[in-house]
Amino acid sequence: MEEKYIIRKIEEFVHRKLHLEGSGHDWWHIERVRKNALRIGEVEHANIFVVELAALLHDLIDDKLPVTVRLNVNDVECYLEEIGIEKAIAADVISIINVISFRKNTPVSQLTLEAKVVQDADRLDAIGAIGIARTFIYAGSKGNILYHPENHEGTDAISHFYAKLLKLKDLMNTDTGRSIAEERHQFLYQFLDQFYQEWNGKE
């Protein structure tokens, strides 16, 4: 089956699932991850078809999604089989979406080049201006507060910067990912500086 047709079918499938998702894991997140994954994949000489498929599907099994939207791995495998994707390619895609999440903490040595590319693209969308915006929309969707000044290890939105966002630059797998991440990483610190100045009335 033609690759463009498969991509279009998966785009439609994922869009139907995630276009109204309200925690920052919506269709536009998927689209941004796909664009950066293709950008990084081209430079790093990855298998672009596998990269694009995995970027499109990477969040469908994420437990941050509501149960009404989330799929399990078997659901995704069955879907790929239904639309006629070769078993070897489907296996590569399933492997990628199974291992790239931040919480899985999969050793880099266990990641394929394509997994490294998609993971970098996903992590790029968690830092910089959009990453900051997604942090607050996710916190709001979970009923978490903006900031608790006496607790940097809590569930408030600002704690998430320390638990995850500020670590991501140094966890990039590819030279291309690291290059893109640098400016976004610095913006996180700029934002936090301004946030604390305003919070403490010292701006």
N, C-alpha and C. Protein backbone atom coordinates (compact mmCIF):
# COMPACT_ATOMS: atom_id res chain seq x y z
N MET A 1 0.84 -1.19 0.00
CA MET A 1 0.00 0.00 0.00
C MET A 1 0.88 1.25 0.00
N GLU A 2 0.45 2.28 -0.71
CA GLU A 2 1.26 3.49 -0.86
C GLU A 2 1.43 4.20 0.48
N GLU A 3 2.65 4.66 0.75
CA GLU A 3 2.95 5.27 2.04
C GLU A 3 2.11 6.52 2.29
N LYS A 4 1.89 7.34 1.27
CA LYS A 4 1.11 8.57 1.45
C LYS A 4 -0.32 8.24 1.87
N TYR A 5 -0.87 7.18 1.31
CA TYR A 5 -2.24 6.77 1.66
C TYR A 5 -2.29 6.33 3.13
N ILE A 6 -1.30 5.55 3.55
CA ILE A 6 -1.24 5.09 4.93
C ILE A 6 -1.13 6.27 5.89
N ILE A 7 -0.26 7.20 5.57
CA ILE A 7 -0.09 8.39 6.42
C ILE A 7 -1.40 9.15 6.53
N ARG A 8 -2.08 9.32 5.42
CA ARG A 8 -3.35 10.06 5.44
C ARG A 8 -4.39 9.35 6.30
N LYS A 9 -4.46 8.03 6.18
CA LYS A 9 -5.41 7.26 6.99
C LYS A 9 -5.11 7.41 8.48
N ILE A 10 -3.84 7.35 8.82
CA ILE A 10 -3.47 7.47 10.24
C ILE A 10 -3.70 8.89 10.75
N GLU A 11 -3.41 9.88 9.92
CA GLU A 11 -3.73 11.27 10.29
C GLU A 11 -5.20 11.40 10.66
N GLU A 12 -6.07 10.87 9.82
CA GLU A 12 -7.51 10.97 10.06
C GLU A 12 -7.89 10.25 11.35
N PHE A 13 -7.31 9.08 11.56
CA PHE A 13 -7.60 8.28 12.75
C PHE A 13 -7.18 9.01 14.02
N VAL A 14 -5.96 9.53 14.04
CA VAL A 14 -5.45 10.21 15.23
C VAL A 14 -6.20 11.52 15.46
N HIS A 15 -6.49 12.24 14.39
CA HIS A 15 -7.22 13.49 14.52
C HIS A 15 -8.59 13.26 15.15
N ARG A 16 -9.28 12.22 14.74
CA ARG A 16 -10.59 11.91 15.32
C ARG A 16 -10.46 11.64 16.81
N LYS A 17 -9.39 10.99 17.20
CA LYS A 17 -9.19 10.65 18.60
C LYS A 17 -8.83 11.86 19.47
N LEU A 18 -7.97 12.74 18.95
CA LEU A 18 -7.32 13.72 19.81
C LEU A 18 -7.66 15.18 19.52
N HIS A 19 -8.52 15.47 18.55
CA HIS A 19 -8.70 16.88 18.18
C HIS A 19 -9.30 17.73 19.31
N LEU A 20 -10.05 17.12 20.23
CA LEU A 20 -10.63 17.87 21.35
C LEU A 20 -9.98 17.53 22.69
N GLU A 21 -8.87 16.82 22.67
CA GLU A 21 -8.19 16.43 23.90
C GLU A 21 -7.73 17.69 24.65
N GLY A 22 -7.94 17.73 25.97
CA GLY A 22 -7.75 18.98 26.69
C GLY A 22 -6.61 19.04 27.67
N SER A 23 -5.63 18.14 27.57
CA SER A 23 -4.53 18.16 28.54
C SER A 23 -3.20 18.56 27.90
N GLY A 24 -3.23 19.01 26.65
CA GLY A 24 -1.99 19.35 25.96
C GLY A 24 -1.43 18.23 25.12
N HIS A 25 -2.20 17.13 25.01
CA HIS A 25 -1.78 16.00 24.18
C HIS A 25 -2.74 15.87 22.99
N ASP A 26 -3.10 16.98 22.45
CA ASP A 26 -4.11 17.03 21.38
C ASP A 26 -3.47 16.86 20.00
N TRP A 27 -4.30 17.01 18.98
CA TRP A 27 -3.82 16.83 17.61
C TRP A 27 -2.68 17.77 17.27
N TRP A 28 -2.73 19.00 17.76
CA TRP A 28 -1.70 19.96 17.38
C TRP A 28 -0.36 19.62 18.02
N HIS A 29 -0.39 19.01 19.20
CA HIS A 29 0.85 18.46 19.77
C HIS A 29 1.42 17.38 18.84
N ILE A 30 0.56 16.49 18.39
CA ILE A 30 0.99 15.43 17.47
C ILE A 30 1.60 16.03 16.21
N GLU A 31 0.95 17.05 15.68
CA GLU A 31 1.43 17.67 14.44
C GLU A 31 2.80 18.33 14.64
N ARG A 32 2.98 18.98 15.78
CA ARG A 32 4.28 19.61 16.04
C ARG A 32 5.37 18.54 16.22
N VAL A 33 5.04 17.48 16.94
CA VAL A 33 6.01 16.40 17.12
C VAL A 33 6.36 15.79 15.77
N ARG A 34 5.36 15.58 14.94
CA ARG A 34 5.65 15.02 13.61
C ARG A 34 6.61 15.92 12.82
N LYS A 35 6.33 17.21 12.80
CA LYS A 35 7.18 18.14 12.02
C LYS A 35 8.62 18.12 12.52
N ASN A 36 8.79 18.15 13.83
CA ASN A 36 10.16 18.13 14.35
C ASN A 36 10.82 16.77 14.17
N ALA A 37 10.03 15.70 14.27
CA ALA A 37 10.59 14.37 14.05
C ALA A 37 11.08 14.22 12.60
N LEU A 38 10.31 14.72 11.66
CA LEU A 38 10.74 14.67 10.26
C LEU A 38 11.98 15.53 10.04
N ARG A 39 12.00 16.70 10.66
CA ARG A 39 13.16 17.59 10.54
C ARG A 39 14.41 16.92 11.09
N ILE A 40 14.30 16.34 12.29
CA ILE A 40 15.45 15.68 12.90
C ILE A 40 15.81 14.40 12.14
N GLY A 41 14.79 13.64 11.76
CA GLY A 41 15.02 12.38 11.06
C GLY A 41 15.74 12.54 9.74
N GLU A 42 15.42 13.60 9.02
CA GLU A 42 16.11 13.86 7.74
C GLU A 42 17.60 14.09 7.98
N VAL A 43 17.91 14.91 8.96
CA VAL A 43 19.31 15.24 9.23
C VAL A 43 20.07 14.02 9.75
N GLU A 44 19.39 13.21 10.58
CA GLU A 44 20.04 12.08 11.23
C GLU A 44 19.99 10.79 10.39
N HIS A 45 19.36 10.88 9.20
CA HIS A 45 19.29 9.76 8.25
C HIS A 45 18.51 8.56 8.82
N ALA A 46 17.39 8.87 9.47
CA ALA A 46 16.52 7.82 10.00
C ALA A 46 15.55 7.35 8.92
N ASN A 47 14.84 6.27 9.20
CA ASN A 47 13.78 5.79 8.32
C ASN A 47 12.58 6.71 8.51
N ILE A 48 12.35 7.59 7.54
CA ILE A 48 11.38 8.65 7.70
C ILE A 48 9.95 8.12 7.79
N PHE A 49 9.64 7.06 7.09
CA PHE A 49 8.29 6.50 7.15
C PHE A 49 7.99 5.99 8.55
N VAL A 50 8.91 5.25 9.13
CA VAL A 50 8.73 4.74 10.50
C VAL A 50 8.65 5.91 11.49
N VAL A 51 9.50 6.90 11.32
CA VAL A 51 9.49 8.07 12.18
C VAL A 51 8.13 8.77 12.13
N GLU A 52 7.61 8.97 10.94
CA GLU A 52 6.34 9.69 10.81
C GLU A 52 5.19 8.90 11.42
N LEU A 53 5.15 7.60 11.17
CA LEU A 53 4.09 6.78 11.76
C LEU A 53 4.15 6.82 13.28
N ALA A 54 5.33 6.66 13.83
CA ALA A 54 5.46 6.65 15.29
C ALA A 54 5.13 8.01 15.90
N ALA A 55 5.53 9.08 15.23
CA ALA A 55 5.21 10.42 15.72
C ALA A 55 3.69 10.63 15.76
N LEU A 56 3.01 10.17 14.74
CA LEU A 56 1.56 10.32 14.69
C LEU A 56 0.86 9.52 15.78
N LEU A 57 1.38 8.36 16.09
CA LEU A 57 0.69 7.43 17.00
C LEU A 57 1.21 7.45 18.43
N HIS A 58 2.25 8.23 18.71
CA HIS A 58 3.00 8.03 19.95
C HIS A 58 2.21 8.28 21.22
N ASP A 59 1.19 9.11 21.18
CA ASP A 59 0.48 9.43 22.42
C ASP A 59 -0.79 8.62 22.65
N LEU A 60 -1.19 7.82 21.70
CA LEU A 60 -2.48 7.14 21.83
C LEU A 60 -2.52 6.15 22.99
N ILE A 61 -1.37 5.65 23.43
CA ILE A 61 -1.36 4.69 24.53
C ILE A 61 -0.91 5.33 25.84
N ASP A 62 -0.77 6.65 25.84
CA ASP A 62 -0.25 7.35 27.02
C ASP A 62 -1.32 7.40 28.11
N ASP A 63 -0.94 7.01 29.33
CA ASP A 63 -1.93 6.99 30.40
C ASP A 63 -2.32 8.38 30.90
N LYS A 64 -1.70 9.42 30.33
CA LYS A 64 -2.16 10.78 30.64
C LYS A 64 -3.46 11.11 29.90
N LEU A 65 -3.78 10.34 28.88
CA LEU A 65 -5.04 10.54 28.16
C LEU A 65 -6.20 9.97 28.96
N PRO A 66 -7.39 10.56 28.83
CA PRO A 66 -8.56 9.97 29.50
C PRO A 66 -8.87 8.59 28.92
N VAL A 67 -9.48 7.75 29.73
CA VAL A 67 -9.75 6.37 29.31
C VAL A 67 -10.71 6.33 28.11
N THR A 68 -11.48 7.38 27.94
CA THR A 68 -12.42 7.42 26.80
C THR A 68 -11.70 7.58 25.47
N VAL A 69 -10.46 8.01 25.52
CA VAL A 69 -9.68 8.27 24.31
C VAL A 69 -8.54 7.27 24.15
N ARG A 70 -7.93 6.91 25.26
CA ARG A 70 -6.70 6.10 25.24
C ARG A 70 -6.93 4.71 24.65
N LEU A 71 -5.93 4.24 23.92
CA LEU A 71 -5.92 2.89 23.38
C LEU A 71 -4.86 2.07 24.11
N ASN A 72 -4.96 0.76 24.02
CA ASN A 72 -3.85 -0.06 24.50
C ASN A 72 -3.01 -0.49 23.29
N VAL A 73 -1.87 -1.08 23.56
CA VAL A 73 -0.94 -1.43 22.49
C VAL A 73 -1.58 -2.39 21.49
N ASN A 74 -2.35 -3.32 21.98
CA ASN A 74 -3.01 -4.28 21.08
C ASN A 74 -3.96 -3.60 20.12
N ASP A 75 -4.65 -2.56 20.59
CA ASP A 75 -5.55 -1.80 19.72
C ASP A 75 -4.77 -1.18 18.56
N VAL A 76 -3.63 -0.59 18.89
CA VAL A 76 -2.81 0.05 17.85
C VAL A 76 -2.26 -0.99 16.89
N GLU A 77 -1.80 -2.11 17.41
CA GLU A 77 -1.29 -3.18 16.56
C GLU A 77 -2.37 -3.67 15.59
N CYS A 78 -3.57 -3.86 16.10
CA CYS A 78 -4.68 -4.33 15.26
C CYS A 78 -5.02 -3.30 14.19
N TYR A 79 -4.98 -2.02 14.57
CA TYR A 79 -5.28 -0.97 13.60
C TYR A 79 -4.24 -0.96 12.48
N LEU A 80 -2.97 -1.06 12.83
CA LEU A 80 -1.92 -1.07 11.81
C LEU A 80 -2.07 -2.27 10.88
N GLU A 81 -2.45 -3.39 11.44
CA GLU A 81 -2.68 -4.58 10.62
C GLU A 81 -3.86 -4.37 9.68
N GLU A 82 -4.93 -3.76 10.19
CA GLU A 82 -6.14 -3.54 9.39
C GLU A 82 -5.87 -2.67 8.16
N ILE A 83 -4.98 -1.66 8.34
CA ILE A 83 -4.76 -0.76 7.20
C ILE A 83 -3.61 -1.25 6.31
N GLY A 84 -3.07 -2.41 6.62
CA GLY A 84 -2.15 -3.06 5.69
C GLY A 84 -0.70 -2.70 5.81
N ILE A 85 -0.26 -2.26 6.97
CA ILE A 85 1.15 -1.94 7.15
C ILE A 85 1.96 -3.23 7.33
N GLU A 86 3.12 -3.29 6.69
CA GLU A 86 3.98 -4.47 6.81
C GLU A 86 4.28 -4.77 8.27
N LYS A 87 4.35 -6.06 8.58
CA LYS A 87 4.54 -6.48 9.97
C LYS A 87 5.83 -5.92 10.58
N ALA A 88 6.89 -5.89 9.79
CA ALA A 88 8.17 -5.42 10.32
C ALA A 88 8.10 -3.93 10.66
N ILE A 89 7.44 -3.16 9.80
CA ILE A 89 7.30 -1.72 10.06
C ILE A 89 6.39 -1.49 11.26
N ALA A 90 5.28 -2.23 11.30
CA ALA A 90 4.36 -2.10 12.44
C ALA A 90 5.07 -2.42 13.75
N ALA A 91 5.92 -3.46 13.73
CA ALA A 91 6.66 -3.84 14.94
C ALA A 91 7.61 -2.73 15.37
N ASP A 92 8.26 -2.09 14.40
CA ASP A 92 9.15 -0.97 14.71
C ASP A 92 8.38 0.18 15.36
N VAL A 93 7.23 0.48 14.80
CA VAL A 93 6.41 1.59 15.31
C VAL A 93 5.92 1.29 16.73
N ILE A 94 5.42 0.08 16.94
CA ILE A 94 4.93 -0.30 18.26
C ILE A 94 6.07 -0.26 19.28
N SER A 95 7.23 -0.71 18.89
CA SER A 95 8.38 -0.67 19.78
C SER A 95 8.69 0.76 20.19
N ILE A 96 8.65 1.68 19.23
CA ILE A 96 8.95 3.08 19.52
C ILE A 96 7.95 3.67 20.51
N ILE A 97 6.67 3.52 20.24
CA ILE A 97 5.68 4.16 21.11
C ILE A 97 5.64 3.52 22.49
N ASN A 98 6.19 2.33 22.60
CA ASN A 98 6.25 1.65 23.90
C ASN A 98 7.38 2.15 24.80
N VAL A 99 8.43 2.73 24.20
CA VAL A 99 9.64 2.99 25.00
C VAL A 99 10.01 4.46 25.15
N ILE A 100 9.35 5.38 24.45
CA ILE A 100 9.90 6.75 24.40
C ILE A 100 9.43 7.67 25.51
N SER A 101 8.45 7.28 26.31
CA SER A 101 7.94 8.23 27.30
C SER A 101 9.00 8.53 28.36
N PHE A 102 8.93 9.73 28.91
CA PHE A 102 9.89 10.19 29.92
C PHE A 102 9.89 9.26 31.13
N ARG A 103 8.70 8.84 31.53
CA ARG A 103 8.59 8.01 32.73
C ARG A 103 9.14 6.60 32.55
N LYS A 104 9.19 6.12 31.31
CA LYS A 104 9.75 4.78 31.08
C LYS A 104 11.26 4.76 31.34
N ASN A 105 11.90 5.91 31.11
CA ASN A 105 13.35 6.03 31.37
C ASN A 105 14.14 4.91 30.69
N THR A 106 13.79 4.63 29.44
CA THR A 106 14.47 3.58 28.69
C THR A 106 15.92 3.97 28.40
N PRO A 107 16.88 3.11 28.69
CA PRO A 107 18.29 3.44 28.38
C PRO A 107 18.48 3.75 26.90
N VAL A 108 19.31 4.73 26.62
CA VAL A 108 19.55 5.14 25.24
C VAL A 108 20.05 3.97 24.40
N SER A 109 20.81 3.09 25.01
CA SER A 109 21.36 1.94 24.28
C SER A 109 20.28 1.01 23.75
N GLN A 110 19.08 1.11 24.30
CA GLN A 110 17.98 0.25 23.87
C GLN A 110 17.06 0.93 22.85
N LEU A 111 17.40 2.14 22.45
CA LEU A 111 16.57 2.88 21.49
C LEU A 111 17.14 2.76 20.09
N THR A 112 16.28 2.52 19.13
CA THR A 112 16.68 2.59 17.73
C THR A 112 16.89 4.05 17.35
N LEU A 113 17.51 4.28 16.22
CA LEU A 113 17.68 5.66 15.75
C LEU A 113 16.33 6.33 15.61
N GLU A 114 15.35 5.61 15.07
CA GLU A 114 14.01 6.19 14.87
C GLU A 114 13.36 6.53 16.21
N ALA A 115 13.55 5.68 17.21
CA ALA A 115 13.01 5.97 18.54
C ALA A 115 13.67 7.21 19.13
N LYS A 116 14.97 7.35 18.93
CA LYS A 116 15.69 8.53 19.43
C LYS A 116 15.14 9.80 18.79
N VAL A 117 14.87 9.72 17.50
CA VAL A 117 14.36 10.88 16.77
C VAL A 117 12.99 11.29 17.30
N VAL A 118 12.08 10.33 17.42
CA VAL A 118 10.73 10.65 17.87
C VAL A 118 10.73 11.11 19.32
N GLN A 119 11.56 10.49 20.14
CA GLN A 119 11.66 10.91 21.53
C GLN A 119 12.16 12.34 21.63
N ASP A 120 13.17 12.69 20.85
CA ASP A 120 13.67 14.07 20.86
C ASP A 120 12.57 15.04 20.43
N ALA A 121 11.84 14.70 19.39
CA ALA A 121 10.78 15.59 18.91
C ALA A 121 9.69 15.78 19.95
N ASP A 122 9.34 14.70 20.63
CA ASP A 122 8.33 14.78 21.69
C ASP A 122 8.83 15.64 22.84
N ARG A 123 10.07 15.47 23.21
CA ARG A 123 10.63 16.25 24.32
C ARG A 123 10.78 17.72 23.97
N LEU A 124 11.06 18.02 22.71
CA LEU A 124 11.13 19.42 22.30
C LEU A 124 9.81 20.14 22.51
N ASP A 125 8.70 19.42 22.37
CA ASP A 125 7.39 20.04 22.55
C ASP A 125 7.05 20.23 24.02
N ALA A 126 7.92 19.75 24.91
CA ALA A 126 7.70 19.91 26.34
C ALA A 126 8.53 21.06 26.91
N ILE A 127 9.34 21.71 26.07
CA ILE A 127 10.16 22.83 26.55
C ILE A 127 9.93 24.04 25.65
N GLY A 128 10.49 25.19 26.05
CA GLY A 128 10.24 26.42 25.32
C GLY A 128 8.85 26.96 25.62
N ALA A 129 8.41 27.92 24.83
CA ALA A 129 7.13 28.60 25.08
C ALA A 129 5.96 27.62 25.04
N ILE A 130 5.96 26.74 24.05
CA ILE A 130 4.85 25.79 23.95
C ILE A 130 4.91 24.80 25.10
N GLY A 131 6.07 24.37 25.48
CA GLY A 131 6.19 23.47 26.61
C GLY A 131 5.64 24.08 27.90
N ILE A 132 5.91 25.37 28.09
CA ILE A 132 5.38 26.07 29.26
C ILE A 132 3.86 26.11 29.20
N ALA A 133 3.32 26.46 28.04
CA ALA A 133 1.86 26.51 27.88
C ALA A 133 1.24 25.14 28.15
N ARG A 134 1.87 24.09 27.65
CA ARG A 134 1.34 22.73 27.85
C ARG A 134 1.42 22.32 29.32
N THR A 135 2.45 22.77 30.01
CA THR A 135 2.56 22.46 31.43
C THR A 135 1.36 22.99 32.21
N PHE A 136 0.95 24.21 31.89
CA PHE A 136 -0.15 24.81 32.64
C PHE A 136 -1.50 24.24 32.22
N ILE A 137 -1.67 23.93 30.95
CA ILE A 137 -2.94 23.33 30.56
C ILE A 137 -3.08 21.93 31.13
N TYR A 138 -1.96 21.19 31.23
CA TYR A 138 -2.02 19.86 31.83
C TYR A 138 -2.33 19.95 33.32
N ALA A 139 -1.65 20.87 34.02
CA ALA A 139 -1.91 21.04 35.45
C ALA A 139 -3.37 21.39 35.68
N GLY A 140 -3.90 22.30 34.87
CA GLY A 140 -5.30 22.68 35.00
C GLY A 140 -6.25 21.53 34.76
N SER A 141 -5.91 20.70 33.77
CA SER A 141 -6.78 19.57 33.44
C SER A 141 -6.83 18.55 34.57
N LYS A 142 -5.79 18.54 35.42
CA LYS A 142 -5.72 17.61 36.55
C LYS A 142 -6.16 18.26 37.87
N GLY A 143 -6.54 19.54 37.79
CA GLY A 143 -6.96 20.23 39.00
C GLY A 143 -5.82 20.63 39.91
N ASN A 144 -4.61 20.72 39.35
CA ASN A 144 -3.45 21.09 40.16
C ASN A 144 -3.27 22.60 40.21
N ILE A 145 -2.70 23.09 41.29
CA ILE A 145 -2.53 24.53 41.45
C ILE A 145 -1.34 25.04 40.65
N LEU A 146 -1.28 26.36 40.54
CA LEU A 146 -0.20 27.00 39.79
C LEU A 146 1.16 26.80 40.45
N TYR A 147 1.24 27.09 41.75
CA TYR A 147 2.54 27.09 42.42
C TYR A 147 2.34 26.98 43.93
N HIS A 148 3.17 26.18 44.55
CA HIS A 148 3.22 26.09 46.01
C HIS A 148 4.63 26.46 46.43
N PRO A 149 4.83 27.66 46.96
CA PRO A 149 6.20 28.15 47.21
C PRO A 149 6.99 27.34 48.22
N GLU A 150 6.35 26.47 48.98
CA GLU A 150 7.07 25.69 49.98
C GLU A 150 7.32 24.25 49.55
N ASN A 151 7.04 23.96 48.28
CA ASN A 151 7.16 22.57 47.85
C ASN A 151 7.56 22.48 46.39
N HIS A 152 8.82 22.12 46.11
CA HIS A 152 9.31 21.96 44.73
C HIS A 152 9.15 20.53 44.24
N GLU A 153 8.55 19.68 45.03
CA GLU A 153 8.39 18.29 44.61
C GLU A 153 6.92 17.88 44.58
N GLY A 154 6.05 18.86 44.46
CA GLY A 154 4.62 18.58 44.47
C GLY A 154 4.03 18.43 43.09
N THR A 155 2.72 18.56 43.04
CA THR A 155 2.00 18.41 41.77
C THR A 155 1.64 19.75 41.14
N ASP A 156 2.06 20.85 41.75
CA ASP A 156 1.76 22.16 41.16
C ASP A 156 2.53 22.32 39.84
N ALA A 157 2.07 23.25 39.03
CA ALA A 157 2.62 23.40 37.68
C ALA A 157 4.11 23.75 37.69
N ILE A 158 4.52 24.63 38.59
CA ILE A 158 5.93 25.04 38.61
C ILE A 158 6.83 23.88 39.02
N SER A 159 6.37 23.01 39.89
CA SER A 159 7.18 21.85 40.28
C SER A 159 7.54 20.98 39.08
N HIS A 160 6.66 20.98 38.07
CA HIS A 160 6.89 20.16 36.88
C HIS A 160 8.14 20.61 36.12
N PHE A 161 8.48 21.90 36.22
CA PHE A 161 9.71 22.38 35.58
C PHE A 161 10.92 21.63 36.14
N TYR A 162 10.93 21.44 37.45
CA TYR A 162 12.07 20.82 38.12
C TYR A 162 12.04 19.30 38.00
N ALA A 163 10.84 18.75 37.98
CA ALA A 163 10.71 17.29 37.89
C ALA A 163 11.03 16.78 36.49
N LYS A 164 10.79 17.61 35.47
CA LYS A 164 10.95 17.12 34.10
C LYS A 164 11.57 18.12 33.14
N LEU A 165 10.95 19.28 32.97
CA LEU A 165 11.29 20.14 31.83
C LEU A 165 12.76 20.56 31.80
N LEU A 166 13.30 20.93 32.94
CA LEU A 166 14.68 21.40 32.97
C LEU A 166 15.70 20.29 32.77
N LYS A 167 15.25 19.05 32.81
CA LYS A 167 16.15 17.91 32.60
C LYS A 167 16.25 17.51 31.12
N LEU A 168 15.30 17.97 30.31
CA LEU A 168 15.16 17.40 28.97
C LEU A 168 16.30 17.75 28.02
N LYS A 169 16.85 18.95 28.13
CA LYS A 169 17.93 19.33 27.20
C LYS A 169 19.07 18.32 27.26
N ASP A 170 19.43 17.90 28.45
CA ASP A 170 20.56 16.99 28.61
C ASP A 170 20.20 15.54 28.30
N LEU A 171 18.93 15.30 28.02
CA LEU A 171 18.49 13.95 27.69
C LEU A 171 18.23 13.77 26.19
N MET A 172 18.52 14.80 25.42
CA MET A 172 18.33 14.69 23.97
C MET A 172 19.30 13.64 23.40
N ASN A 173 18.83 12.90 22.43
CA ASN A 173 19.60 11.80 21.86
C ASN A 173 20.46 12.20 20.67
N THR A 174 20.00 13.18 19.90
CA THR A 174 20.64 13.51 18.63
C THR A 174 21.26 14.90 18.68
N ASP A 175 22.26 15.12 17.84
CA ASP A 175 22.87 16.45 17.75
C ASP A 175 21.83 17.48 17.31
N THR A 176 20.96 17.10 16.40
CA THR A 176 19.94 18.02 15.92
C THR A 176 18.97 18.38 17.04
N GLY A 177 18.54 17.38 17.80
CA GLY A 177 17.65 17.64 18.93
C GLY A 177 18.29 18.55 19.96
N ARG A 178 19.56 18.29 20.27
CA ARG A 178 20.26 19.11 21.25
C ARG A 178 20.37 20.56 20.78
N SER A 179 20.62 20.74 19.50
CA SER A 179 20.76 22.09 18.95
C SER A 179 19.45 22.88 19.07
N ILE A 180 18.34 22.23 18.75
CA ILE A 180 17.04 22.89 18.84
C ILE A 180 16.67 23.15 20.30
N ALA A 181 17.03 22.22 21.16
CA ALA A 181 16.63 22.30 22.57
C ALA A 181 17.31 23.44 23.31
N GLU A 182 18.49 23.84 22.88
CA GLU A 182 19.28 24.80 23.65
C GLU A 182 18.52 26.10 23.93
N GLU A 183 17.98 26.71 22.87
CA GLU A 183 17.28 27.99 23.03
C GLU A 183 16.01 27.81 23.87
N ARG A 184 15.30 26.72 23.62
CA ARG A 184 14.07 26.47 24.37
C ARG A 184 14.37 26.27 25.86
N HIS A 185 15.45 25.60 26.15
CA HIS A 185 15.86 25.38 27.53
C HIS A 185 16.15 26.70 28.23
N GLN A 186 16.86 27.58 27.56
CA GLN A 186 17.16 28.89 28.16
C GLN A 186 15.89 29.68 28.42
N PHE A 187 14.90 29.51 27.55
CA PHE A 187 13.64 30.24 27.73
C PHE A 187 12.91 29.78 28.99
N LEU A 188 13.06 28.51 29.36
CA LEU A 188 12.47 28.03 30.61
C LEU A 188 13.01 28.82 31.79
N TYR A 189 14.33 29.05 31.82
CA TYR A 189 14.93 29.80 32.91
C TYR A 189 14.48 31.26 32.89
N GLN A 190 14.37 31.83 31.69
CA GLN A 190 13.89 33.21 31.59
C GLN A 190 12.47 33.33 32.16
N PHE A 191 11.64 32.37 31.80
CA PHE A 191 10.27 32.37 32.30
C PHE A 191 10.25 32.26 33.82
N LEU A 192 11.02 31.31 34.37
CA LEU A 192 11.04 31.12 35.82
C LEU A 192 11.55 32.36 36.55
N ASP A 193 12.57 33.01 36.01
CA ASP A 193 13.07 34.25 36.61
C ASP A 193 11.97 35.29 36.69
N GLN A 194 11.26 35.49 35.59
CA GLN A 194 10.18 36.46 35.55
C GLN A 194 9.04 36.05 36.49
N PHE A 195 8.72 34.76 36.49
CA PHE A 195 7.64 34.26 37.34
C PHE A 195 7.93 34.56 38.81
N TYR A 196 9.14 34.24 39.26
CA TYR A 196 9.48 34.45 40.67
C TYR A 196 9.55 35.94 41.02
N GLN A 197 9.99 36.76 40.09
CA GLN A 197 10.00 38.20 40.35
C GLN A 197 8.58 38.71 40.57
N GLU A 198 7.67 38.29 39.70
CA GLU A 198 6.28 38.72 39.84
C GLU A 198 5.64 38.12 41.09
N TRP A 199 5.92 36.86 41.36
CA TRP A 199 5.33 36.20 42.53
C TRP A 199 5.76 36.91 43.83
N ASN A 200 7.02 37.33 43.86
CA ASN A 200 7.56 37.96 45.06
C ASN A 200 7.44 39.49 45.06
N GLY A 201 6.83 40.02 43.99
CA GLY A 201 6.62 41.47 43.91
C GLY A 201 7.91 42.26 43.78
N LYS A 202 8.89 41.70 43.05
CA LYS A 202 10.20 42.34 42.95
C LYS A 202 10.55 42.75 41.53
N GLU A 203 9.56 42.72 40.62
CA GLU A 203 9.92 43.09 39.25
C GLU A 203 9.98 44.60 39.09
